[in-house]
Amino acid sequence: MWCHVAVVKKFTELTLYVNGNPVGRATVPATYQPGPKNAGIGCNPNYPGPEVFQGALAEVLLVREAWPEEEIRKLAGVP
């Protein structure tokens, strides 16, 4: 079963969307915090433990701007 997943960071709010619907929010720092310079998609390369995604990924899109909920819903195919 495929799911559309999106994470949007707008200032200090991080929102997780699943199939176009917001399912969780968290408060995060407004600006970049210096730290590791690498990132993983489906894993955390900075964590030595068993933290990996078990599944398949397709059409990964990284954008600089925080997209509005309407755009996330459109990408997920939700009217």
C-alpha atoms as a PDB file:
ATOM      1  CA  MET A   1       0.000   0.000   0.000  1.00  0.00           C
ATOM      2  CA  TRP A   2       1.388   3.406  -0.996  1.00  0.00           C
ATOM      3  CA  CYS A   3       1.001   6.495   1.198  1.00  0.00           C
ATOM      4  CA  HIS A   4       1.792  10.095   0.365  1.00  0.00           C
ATOM      5  CA  VAL A   5       3.902  11.599   3.155  1.00  0.00           C
ATOM      6  CA  ALA A   6       4.965  15.240   3.425  1.00  0.00           C
ATOM      7  CA  VAL A   7       6.752  17.227   6.113  1.00  0.00           C
ATOM      8  CA  VAL A   8       6.505  21.018   6.031  1.00  0.00           C
ATOM      9  CA  LYS A   9       8.557  23.378   8.215  1.00  0.00           C
ATOM     10  CA  LYS A  10       7.199  26.906   8.479  1.00  0.00           C
ATOM     11  CA  PHE A  11       9.184  29.059  10.911  1.00  0.00           C
ATOM     12  CA  THR A  12       8.914  27.141  14.220  1.00  0.00           C
ATOM     13  CA  GLU A  13       6.172  24.689  13.217  1.00  0.00           C
ATOM     14  CA  LEU A  14       6.859  21.295  11.670  1.00  0.00           C
ATOM     15  CA  THR A  15       3.781  19.532  10.263  1.00  0.00           C
ATOM     16  CA  LEU A  16       3.541  15.904   9.140  1.00  0.00           C
ATOM     17  CA  TYR A  17       0.963  15.098   6.435  1.00  0.00           C
ATOM     18  CA  VAL A  18      -0.160  11.597   5.463  1.00  0.00           C
ATOM     19  CA  ASN A  19      -2.270  11.286   2.307  1.00  0.00           C
ATOM     20  CA  GLY A  20      -2.828  15.054   2.310  1.00  0.00           C
ATOM     21  CA  ASN A  21      -4.083  15.317   5.894  1.00  0.00           C
ATOM     22  CA  PRO A  22      -2.130  16.814   8.806  1.00  0.00           C
ATOM     23  CA  VAL A  23      -1.504  14.092  11.398  1.00  0.00           C
ATOM     24  CA  GLY A  24       1.068  15.691  13.697  1.00  0.00           C
ATOM     25  CA  ARG A  25       2.795  18.936  14.599  1.00  0.00           C
ATOM     26  CA  ALA A  26       5.934  19.803  16.555  1.00  0.00           C
ATOM     27  CA  THR A  27       7.682  22.994  17.584  1.00  0.00           C
ATOM     28  CA  VAL A  28      11.223  23.258  16.204  1.00  0.00           C
ATOM     29  CA  PRO A  29      13.909  25.974  16.128  1.00  0.00           C
ATOM     30  CA  ALA A  30      13.155  28.764  13.645  1.00  0.00           C
ATOM     31  CA  THR A  31      16.651  28.738  12.194  1.00  0.00           C
ATOM     32  CA  TYR A  32      19.203  26.130  11.263  1.00  0.00           C
ATOM     33  CA  GLN A  33      21.141  24.719  14.203  1.00  0.00           C
ATOM     34  CA  PRO A  34      24.748  23.779  13.330  1.00  0.00           C
ATOM     35  CA  GLY A  35      25.297  20.066  13.475  1.00  0.00           C
ATOM     36  CA  PRO A  36      25.794  17.135  11.120  1.00  0.00           C
ATOM     37  CA  LYS A  37      26.215  18.042   7.465  1.00  0.00           C
ATOM     38  CA  ASN A  38      24.721  14.827   6.109  1.00  0.00           C
ATOM     39  CA  ALA A  39      21.137  13.647   5.823  1.00  0.00           C
ATOM     40  CA  GLY A  40      19.493  10.346   5.092  1.00  0.00           C
ATOM     41  CA  ILE A  41      16.249   9.550   3.312  1.00  0.00           C
ATOM     42  CA  GLY A  42      14.798   6.503   4.978  1.00  0.00           C
ATOM     43  CA  CYS A  43      17.535   6.335   7.611  1.00  0.00           C
ATOM     44  CA  ASN A  44      19.496   8.426  10.082  1.00  0.00           C
ATOM     45  CA  PRO A  45      23.180   8.294   9.104  1.00  0.00           C
ATOM     46  CA  ASN A  46      24.120   9.979  12.410  1.00  0.00           C
ATOM     47  CA  TYR A  47      22.542   7.310  14.631  1.00  0.00           C
ATOM     48  CA  PRO A  48      24.422   4.020  15.112  1.00  0.00           C
ATOM     49  CA  GLY A  49      21.328   2.042  16.174  1.00  0.00           C
ATOM     50  CA  PRO A  50      18.671   0.269  14.112  1.00  0.00           C
ATOM     51  CA  GLU A  51      16.774   3.304  12.820  1.00  0.00           C
ATOM     52  CA  VAL A  52      15.834   2.615   9.199  1.00  0.00           C
ATOM     53  CA  PHE A  53      12.738   2.777   7.013  1.00  0.00           C
ATOM     54  CA  GLN A  54      11.529  -0.633   5.838  1.00  0.00           C
ATOM     55  CA  GLY A  55       9.727  -0.098   2.536  1.00  0.00           C
ATOM     56  CA  ALA A  56      10.033   1.618  -0.819  1.00  0.00           C
ATOM     57  CA  LEU A  57      10.304   5.314  -1.681  1.00  0.00           C
ATOM     58  CA  ALA A  58       9.236   6.946  -4.933  1.00  0.00           C
ATOM     59  CA  GLU A  59       9.264  10.512  -6.221  1.00  0.00           C
ATOM     60  CA  VAL A  60      11.193  12.204  -3.415  1.00  0.00           C
ATOM     61  CA  LEU A  61      10.876  15.999  -3.660  1.00  0.00           C
ATOM     62  CA  LEU A  62      12.864  18.488  -1.579  1.00  0.00           C
ATOM     63  CA  VAL A  63      11.903  22.166  -1.832  1.00  0.00           C
ATOM     64  CA  ARG A  64      13.108  25.271  -0.039  1.00  0.00           C
ATOM     65  CA  GLU A  65       9.713  26.946   0.471  1.00  0.00           C
ATOM     66  CA  ALA A  66       7.038  25.869   2.961  1.00  0.00           C
ATOM     67  CA  TRP A  67       4.111  24.806   0.772  1.00  0.00           C
ATOM     68  CA  PRO A  68       0.537  25.532   1.887  1.00  0.00           C
ATOM     69  CA  GLU A  69      -1.780  22.698   2.913  1.00  0.00           C
ATOM     70  CA  GLU A  70      -3.786  23.043  -0.333  1.00  0.00           C
ATOM     71  CA  GLU A  71      -0.646  22.264  -2.369  1.00  0.00           C
ATOM     72  CA  ILE A  72       0.192  19.249  -0.180  1.00  0.00           C
ATOM     73  CA  ARG A  73      -3.370  17.937  -0.633  1.00  0.00           C
ATOM     74  CA  LYS A  74      -3.094  18.422  -4.413  1.00  0.00           C
ATOM     75  CA  LEU A  75       0.207  16.493  -4.541  1.00  0.00           C
ATOM     76  CA  ALA A  76      -1.423  13.685  -2.543  1.00  0.00           C
ATOM     77  CA  GLY A  77      -4.333  13.563  -5.000  1.00  0.00           C
ATOM     78  CA  VAL A  78      -6.880  14.785  -2.452  1.00  0.00           C
ATOM     79  CA  PRO A  79      -9.525  17.201  -3.809  1.00  0.00           C
END
